[in-house]
Protein backbone atom coordinates (compact mmCIF):
# COMPACT_ATOMS: atom_id res chain seq x y z
CA UNK A 1 3.00 -60.76 48.35
CA UNK A 2 -0.65 -61.63 47.69
CA UNK A 3 -1.81 -59.05 50.26
CA UNK A 4 0.43 -56.43 48.62
CA UNK A 5 -1.08 -57.15 45.21
CA UNK A 6 -4.59 -56.82 46.64
CA UNK A 7 -3.75 -53.45 48.17
CA UNK A 8 -2.26 -52.19 44.90
CA UNK A 9 -5.31 -53.42 43.01
CA UNK A 10 -7.65 -51.71 45.48
CA UNK A 11 -5.62 -48.49 45.35
CA UNK A 12 -5.75 -48.42 41.54
CA UNK A 13 -9.51 -48.84 41.53
CA UNK A 14 -9.93 -46.18 44.22
CA UNK A 15 -7.89 -43.73 42.14
CA UNK A 16 -9.92 -44.64 39.04
CA UNK A 17 -13.27 -44.12 40.79
CA UNK A 18 -12.10 -40.84 42.35
CA UNK A 19 -10.81 -39.58 39.00
CA UNK A 20 -14.02 -40.54 37.20
CA UNK A 21 -16.16 -38.87 39.85
CA UNK A 22 -14.08 -35.68 39.84
CA UNK A 23 -14.16 -35.56 36.02
CA UNK A 24 -17.94 -36.03 36.05
CA UNK A 25 -18.48 -33.29 38.64
CA UNK A 26 -16.14 -30.95 36.76
CA UNK A 27 -18.17 -31.45 33.57
CA UNK A 28 -21.38 -30.67 35.45
CA UNK A 29 -20.00 -27.41 36.85
CA UNK A 30 -18.72 -26.40 33.40
CA UNK A 31 -22.27 -26.86 32.13
CA UNK A 32 -23.58 -24.85 35.08
CA UNK A 33 -21.19 -22.00 34.26
CA UNK A 34 -22.11 -21.97 30.58
CA UNK A 35 -25.82 -21.97 31.35
CA UNK A 36 -25.42 -19.25 33.96
CA UNK A 37 -23.63 -16.99 31.50
CA UNK A 38 -25.94 -17.60 28.55
CA UNK A 39 -29.47 -16.73 27.63
CA UNK A 40 -32.30 -19.24 27.58
CA UNK A 41 -31.87 -22.04 25.08
CA UNK A 42 -33.65 -21.19 21.86
CA UNK A 43 -35.74 -23.76 20.05
CA UNK A 44 -35.95 -23.33 16.26
CA UNK A 45 -39.31 -22.72 14.65
CA UNK A 46 -40.92 -25.79 13.06
CA UNK A 47 -43.19 -25.12 10.06
CA UNK A 48 -46.60 -26.79 10.34
CA UNK A 49 -45.89 -28.90 7.25
CA UNK A 50 -42.91 -30.54 8.96
CA UNK A 51 -45.09 -31.79 11.81
CA UNK A 52 -47.24 -34.00 9.62
CA UNK A 53 -50.40 -32.53 11.06
CA UNK A 54 -49.64 -34.03 14.49
CA UNK A 55 -49.95 -30.74 16.36
CA UNK A 56 -49.50 -27.02 15.89
CA UNK A 57 -45.87 -25.93 15.55
CA UNK A 58 -46.28 -23.19 18.15
CA UNK A 59 -47.41 -25.69 20.80
CA UNK A 60 -44.47 -27.99 20.02
CA UNK A 61 -42.04 -25.09 20.11
CA UNK A 62 -43.30 -23.84 23.47
CA UNK A 63 -43.21 -27.36 24.91
CA UNK A 64 -39.66 -27.97 23.71
CA UNK A 65 -38.56 -24.59 25.00
CA UNK A 66 -40.08 -25.23 28.43
CA UNK A 67 -38.74 -28.75 28.95
CA UNK A 68 -35.31 -28.04 27.48
CA UNK A 69 -34.75 -25.08 29.78
CA UNK A 70 -36.18 -27.03 32.71
CA UNK A 71 -33.77 -29.92 32.18
CA UNK A 72 -30.73 -27.68 31.82
CA UNK A 73 -31.34 -25.62 34.93
CA UNK A 74 -28.29 -26.10 37.20
CA UNK A 75 -30.39 -26.80 40.29
CA UNK A 76 -32.41 -29.46 38.46
CA UNK A 77 -29.24 -31.19 37.24
CA UNK A 78 -27.78 -31.03 40.74
CA UNK A 79 -30.97 -32.47 42.24
CA UNK A 80 -31.10 -35.37 39.77
CA UNK A 81 -27.41 -36.23 40.23
CA UNK A 82 -27.74 -36.11 44.01
CA UNK A 83 -30.98 -38.12 43.97
CA UNK A 84 -29.39 -41.06 42.17
CA UNK A 85 -25.94 -40.84 43.74
CA UNK A 86 -27.41 -40.81 47.25
CA UNK A 87 -29.87 -43.57 46.41
CA UNK A 88 -27.14 -45.71 44.86
CA UNK A 89 -25.07 -45.60 48.05
CA UNK A 90 -28.12 -46.36 50.15
CA UNK A 91 -29.32 -49.36 48.14
CA UNK A 92 -25.87 -50.75 47.29
CA UNK A 93 -23.90 -50.17 50.50
CA UNK A 94 -26.26 -49.56 53.40
CA UNK A 95 -29.09 -51.81 52.29
CA UNK A 96 -27.84 -54.74 50.22
CA UNK A 97 -24.39 -54.93 51.78
CA UNK A 98 -24.68 -53.75 55.38
CA UNK A 99 -28.21 -54.92 56.18
CA UNK A 100 -28.40 -58.15 54.17
CA UNK A 101 -24.84 -59.20 53.36
CA UNK A 102 -25.75 -59.92 49.73
CA UNK A 103 -22.05 -59.61 48.91
CA UNK A 104 -18.73 -59.13 50.69
CA UNK A 105 -15.95 -56.58 50.38
CA UNK A 106 -12.66 -55.80 52.09
CA UNK A 107 -12.36 -53.32 54.96
CA UNK A 108 -10.56 -50.97 52.60
CA UNK A 109 -13.46 -50.92 50.15
CA UNK A 110 -15.87 -50.55 53.06
CA UNK A 111 -14.16 -47.28 53.94
CA UNK A 112 -14.32 -46.13 50.32
CA UNK A 113 -18.10 -46.61 50.35
CA UNK A 114 -18.40 -45.02 53.80
CA UNK A 115 -16.84 -41.90 52.29
CA UNK A 116 -18.90 -42.05 49.08
CA UNK A 117 -22.08 -42.38 51.17
CA UNK A 118 -21.08 -39.34 53.20
CA UNK A 119 -20.34 -37.26 50.10
CA UNK A 120 -23.56 -38.19 48.30
CA UNK A 121 -25.91 -38.15 51.29
CA UNK A 122 -24.40 -35.13 53.01
CA UNK A 123 -26.70 -33.75 55.67
CA UNK A 124 -28.88 -36.88 55.52
CA UNK A 125 -26.01 -39.33 55.97
CA UNK A 126 -27.04 -42.56 57.70
CA UNK A 127 -24.66 -44.77 59.63
CA UNK A 128 -24.42 -48.09 57.73
CA UNK A 129 -24.34 -49.93 61.04
CA UNK A 130 -27.42 -48.20 62.46
CA UNK A 131 -29.22 -48.42 59.11
CA UNK A 132 -28.54 -52.17 58.93
CA UNK A 133 -29.78 -52.83 62.46
CA UNK A 134 -32.94 -50.82 61.90
CA UNK A 135 -33.62 -52.51 58.57
CA UNK A 136 -33.10 -55.97 60.05
CA UNK A 137 -35.64 -55.07 62.74
CA UNK A 138 -38.03 -54.09 59.96
CA UNK A 139 -37.73 -57.51 58.30
CA UNK A 140 -38.01 -59.43 61.57
CA UNK A 141 -41.01 -57.46 62.88
CA UNK A 142 -42.73 -56.22 59.72
CA UNK A 143 -46.10 -54.54 60.36
CA UNK A 144 -45.91 -54.96 64.13
CA UNK A 145 -45.27 -52.45 66.89
CA UNK A 146 -41.59 -53.42 66.87
CA UNK A 147 -41.26 -52.41 63.21
CA UNK A 148 -39.23 -49.14 63.12
CA UNK A 149 -41.23 -47.81 60.19
CA UNK A 150 -44.63 -49.38 59.69
CA UNK A 151 -47.54 -47.41 58.17
CA UNK A 152 -49.83 -49.70 60.19
CA UNK A 153 -48.77 -47.96 63.40
CA UNK A 154 -48.43 -44.35 62.21
CA UNK A 155 -51.13 -41.83 61.36
CA UNK A 156 -49.23 -40.42 58.39
CA UNK A 157 -45.90 -40.51 56.61
CA UNK A 158 -44.47 -37.69 58.76
CA UNK A 159 -45.19 -39.36 62.11
CA UNK A 160 -43.78 -42.62 60.76
CA UNK A 161 -40.52 -40.99 59.71
CA UNK A 162 -40.23 -39.06 62.98
CA UNK A 163 -40.58 -42.34 64.85
CA UNK A 164 -37.98 -43.88 62.54
CA UNK A 165 -35.63 -40.98 63.24
CA UNK A 166 -35.96 -41.42 67.00
CA UNK A 167 -35.22 -45.15 66.79
CA UNK A 168 -32.25 -44.46 64.51
CA UNK A 169 -30.83 -41.94 67.00
CA UNK A 170 -31.06 -44.41 69.90
CA UNK A 171 -29.20 -47.03 67.85
CA UNK A 172 -26.48 -44.53 66.88
CA UNK A 173 -26.07 -43.41 70.51
CA UNK A 174 -26.01 -47.01 71.75
CA UNK A 175 -28.99 -46.56 74.08
CA UNK A 176 -31.32 -48.92 72.21
CA UNK A 177 -31.69 -52.50 73.40
CA UNK A 178 -30.90 -54.60 70.34
CA UNK A 179 -30.84 -58.40 70.22
CA UNK A 180 -27.37 -59.81 69.40
CA UNK A 181 -28.69 -61.51 66.25
CA UNK A 182 -29.23 -58.10 64.66
CA UNK A 183 -25.68 -56.89 65.29
CA UNK A 184 -23.72 -59.58 63.45
CA UNK A 185 -21.41 -58.84 60.51
CA UNK A 186 -21.91 -55.10 60.39
CA UNK A 187 -19.61 -52.49 58.79
CA UNK A 188 -18.14 -50.36 61.57
CA UNK A 189 -16.10 -47.15 61.42
CA UNK A 190 -16.95 -45.45 64.70
CA UNK A 191 -14.80 -42.32 64.40
CA UNK A 192 -16.10 -41.57 60.93
CA UNK A 193 -19.72 -42.21 61.92
CA UNK A 194 -19.42 -39.92 64.96
CA UNK A 195 -18.37 -37.03 62.73
CA UNK A 196 -20.76 -37.78 59.86
CA UNK A 197 -23.74 -38.01 62.24
CA UNK A 198 -22.78 -34.93 64.23
CA UNK A 199 -24.67 -31.64 64.23
CA UNK A 200 -21.71 -29.60 62.88
CA UNK A 201 -21.27 -31.98 59.95
CA UNK A 202 -24.93 -31.78 58.96
CA UNK A 203 -24.90 -28.01 59.40
CA UNK A 204 -21.89 -27.64 57.08
CA UNK A 205 -23.70 -29.61 54.37
CA UNK A 206 -26.83 -27.48 54.74
CA UNK A 207 -24.75 -24.31 54.36
CA UNK A 208 -23.10 -25.73 51.24
CA UNK A 209 -26.51 -26.57 49.75
CA UNK A 210 -27.79 -23.09 50.52
CA UNK A 211 -24.73 -21.53 48.90
CA UNK A 212 -25.23 -23.63 45.79
CA UNK A 213 -28.90 -22.64 45.52
CA UNK A 214 -28.05 -18.97 46.12
CA UNK A 215 -25.54 -19.03 43.28
CA UNK A 216 -27.32 -21.21 40.74
CA UNK A 217 -31.08 -21.09 41.40
CA UNK A 218 -32.83 -19.37 38.48
CA UNK A 219 -36.34 -19.23 39.98
CA UNK A 220 -37.80 -19.05 43.52
CA UNK A 221 -39.74 -22.31 43.10
CA UNK A 222 -36.45 -24.22 42.88
CA UNK A 223 -35.93 -23.61 46.61
CA UNK A 224 -38.78 -26.08 47.16
CA UNK A 225 -36.26 -28.80 46.29
CA UNK A 226 -33.93 -27.73 49.11
CA UNK A 227 -35.77 -29.56 51.94
CA UNK A 228 -35.71 -32.77 49.88
CA UNK A 229 -31.96 -32.42 49.28
CA UNK A 230 -31.30 -31.75 52.97
CA UNK A 231 -33.29 -34.86 53.99
CA UNK A 232 -32.56 -36.96 50.88
CA UNK A 233 -31.77 -40.25 52.63
CA UNK A 234 -34.86 -40.07 54.83
CA UNK A 235 -36.94 -38.98 51.84
CA UNK A 236 -35.93 -42.10 49.89
CA UNK A 237 -36.77 -44.25 52.89
CA UNK A 238 -40.16 -42.61 53.32
CA UNK A 239 -41.15 -43.28 49.70
CA UNK A 240 -40.55 -47.02 50.05
CA UNK A 241 -41.47 -47.62 53.67
CA UNK A 242 -44.80 -45.81 53.39
CA UNK A 243 -46.03 -46.19 49.82
CA UNK A 244 -44.61 -49.68 49.14
CA UNK A 245 -46.60 -50.97 52.10
CA UNK A 246 -49.81 -49.41 50.81
CA UNK A 247 -49.88 -49.39 47.02
CA UNK A 248 -48.71 -51.56 44.14
CA UNK A 249 -48.95 -55.23 43.24
CA UNK A 250 -47.77 -58.52 44.73
CA UNK A 251 -45.73 -61.30 43.18
CA UNK A 252 -45.77 -63.24 46.46
CA UNK A 253 -48.42 -63.67 49.14
CA UNK A 254 -46.62 -62.95 52.41
CA UNK A 255 -47.68 -62.31 55.97
CA UNK A 256 -47.06 -58.58 55.58
CA UNK A 257 -48.28 -55.62 53.55
CA UNK A 258 -45.26 -55.27 51.23
CA UNK A 259 -46.04 -54.36 47.61
CA UNK A 260 -44.08 -53.77 44.43
CA UNK A 261 -44.67 -50.06 44.00
CA UNK A 262 -43.64 -49.71 40.33
CA UNK A 263 -43.70 -52.21 37.45
CA UNK A 264 -40.51 -50.69 36.03
CA UNK A 265 -38.38 -49.02 38.66
CA UNK A 266 -35.92 -46.45 37.38
CA UNK A 267 -36.88 -43.79 39.92
CA UNK A 268 -35.87 -45.82 43.01
CA UNK A 269 -33.16 -48.03 41.44
CA UNK A 270 -35.01 -51.28 42.15
CA UNK A 271 -35.94 -50.46 45.74
CA UNK A 272 -39.65 -50.29 44.91
CA UNK A 273 -39.78 -54.06 44.25
CA UNK A 274 -40.50 -54.31 47.94
CA UNK A 275 -42.69 -57.41 47.86
CA UNK A 276 -39.94 -59.27 45.99
CA UNK A 277 -37.40 -58.01 48.51
CA UNK A 278 -39.41 -59.21 51.50
CA UNK A 279 -39.57 -62.65 49.90
CA UNK A 280 -35.83 -62.82 49.17
CA UNK A 281 -34.07 -60.16 51.29
CA UNK A 282 -30.49 -61.15 50.43
CA UNK A 283 -31.01 -61.47 46.66
CA UNK A 284 -28.69 -59.26 44.58
CA UNK A 285 -31.43 -58.75 41.97
CA UNK A 286 -34.63 -57.25 43.36
CA UNK A 287 -36.49 -57.81 40.09
CA UNK A 288 -38.19 -61.18 39.53
CA UNK A 289 -40.45 -60.74 36.50
CA UNK A 290 -39.26 -59.89 32.99
CA UNK A 291 -40.25 -56.23 33.24
CA UNK A 292 -38.86 -55.71 36.75
CA UNK A 293 -35.51 -54.22 35.85
CA UNK A 294 -33.18 -53.63 38.79
CA UNK A 295 -30.56 -51.05 37.65
CA UNK A 296 -28.22 -51.97 40.52
CA UNK A 297 -27.98 -55.65 39.59
CA UNK A 298 -25.61 -55.14 36.61
CA UNK A 299 -23.53 -52.77 38.76
CA UNK A 300 -23.14 -55.51 41.37
CA UNK A 301 -22.09 -57.94 38.64
CA UNK A 302 -19.61 -55.39 37.29
CA UNK A 303 -18.10 -54.77 40.73
CA UNK A 304 -17.82 -58.53 41.26
CA UNK A 305 -16.01 -58.87 37.93
CA UNK A 306 -13.67 -56.04 38.98
CA UNK A 307 -13.00 -57.91 42.26
CA UNK A 308 -14.31 -55.00 44.33
CA UNK A 309 -16.91 -57.29 45.90
CA UNK A 310 -17.52 -61.01 46.20
CA UNK A 311 -21.11 -62.15 45.77
CA UNK A 312 -22.34 -64.24 48.68
CA UNK A 313 -24.17 -67.51 48.15
CA UNK A 314 -27.92 -66.86 47.92
CA UNK A 315 -29.76 -67.49 51.15
CA UNK A 316 -32.82 -69.72 50.98
CA UNK A 317 -33.61 -69.30 54.68
CA UNK A 318 -36.36 -66.82 53.96
CA UNK A 319 -39.12 -69.07 52.68
CA UNK A 320 -41.95 -66.94 53.94
CA UNK A 321 -40.32 -63.54 53.66
CA UNK A 322 -40.60 -62.83 57.37
CA UNK A 323 -37.29 -63.72 58.97
CA UNK A 324 -33.61 -63.82 58.11
CA UNK A 325 -30.65 -64.95 60.16
CA UNK A 326 -27.68 -62.61 59.80
């Protein structure tokens, strides 16, 4: 009886999330259609007297016109939505859950997030299992030759990510020699991962992206965003794994080069608090100081309240930020 109730509860939440997502996407495409069929948004003229002498009305009008039309370009909206949706699945499911076990969830919910990760990451989908193994290697061997993505052993960001790609592929194919301690408690859905990581799957997503740009792009420069969308997951990883080991500030002195890249991290949903994360890898809140807002932390609390996840007890095994038992 209890198991039946759990399944019904999980089914209701799955339906709710699917409905909300479909409603949200439908609203976006309605906006796209309206913008496509209308002229540029017009900004009313502001008399100089109404500006209080702050600036010339013509400058304000041109600025408002430019930024308003920029924001409401369909491709820009699509890029922003995909940026945060993809990043959410990476930080919530592949990183905090799969790699660090910061919280637990049922096998049913695991599959829900497998599918959401595939939808949002598309051609750059990353196997949660392979991602977790690679990320655990990063924490165990930070800034050494065994680190899958260390700026200390790569000439530039492109060679680092190419090396990361090669290591990821060997883990996915099962040809990499991985210590047993890095393969514990991992989310596994082999059939799904085989399709999602396949060439045909990635090709289909690329074609869909191209079709979207062909239909909705309003200027040639917007096609510059296409390579980022195609490689979105890797792009997010490159930002943190390269720049957050080179620039920023430290809250903790550790035996690695990790930095907190931004003081307030909205762009990377808390992932840029990398120095904090290396100190406490399994923490559900990456922010430690008052201004370090982690947008995913309240989501984790909400999901815990909704019984979608169960928050694990915080691990204090990582005193020096260098090693974590999984």
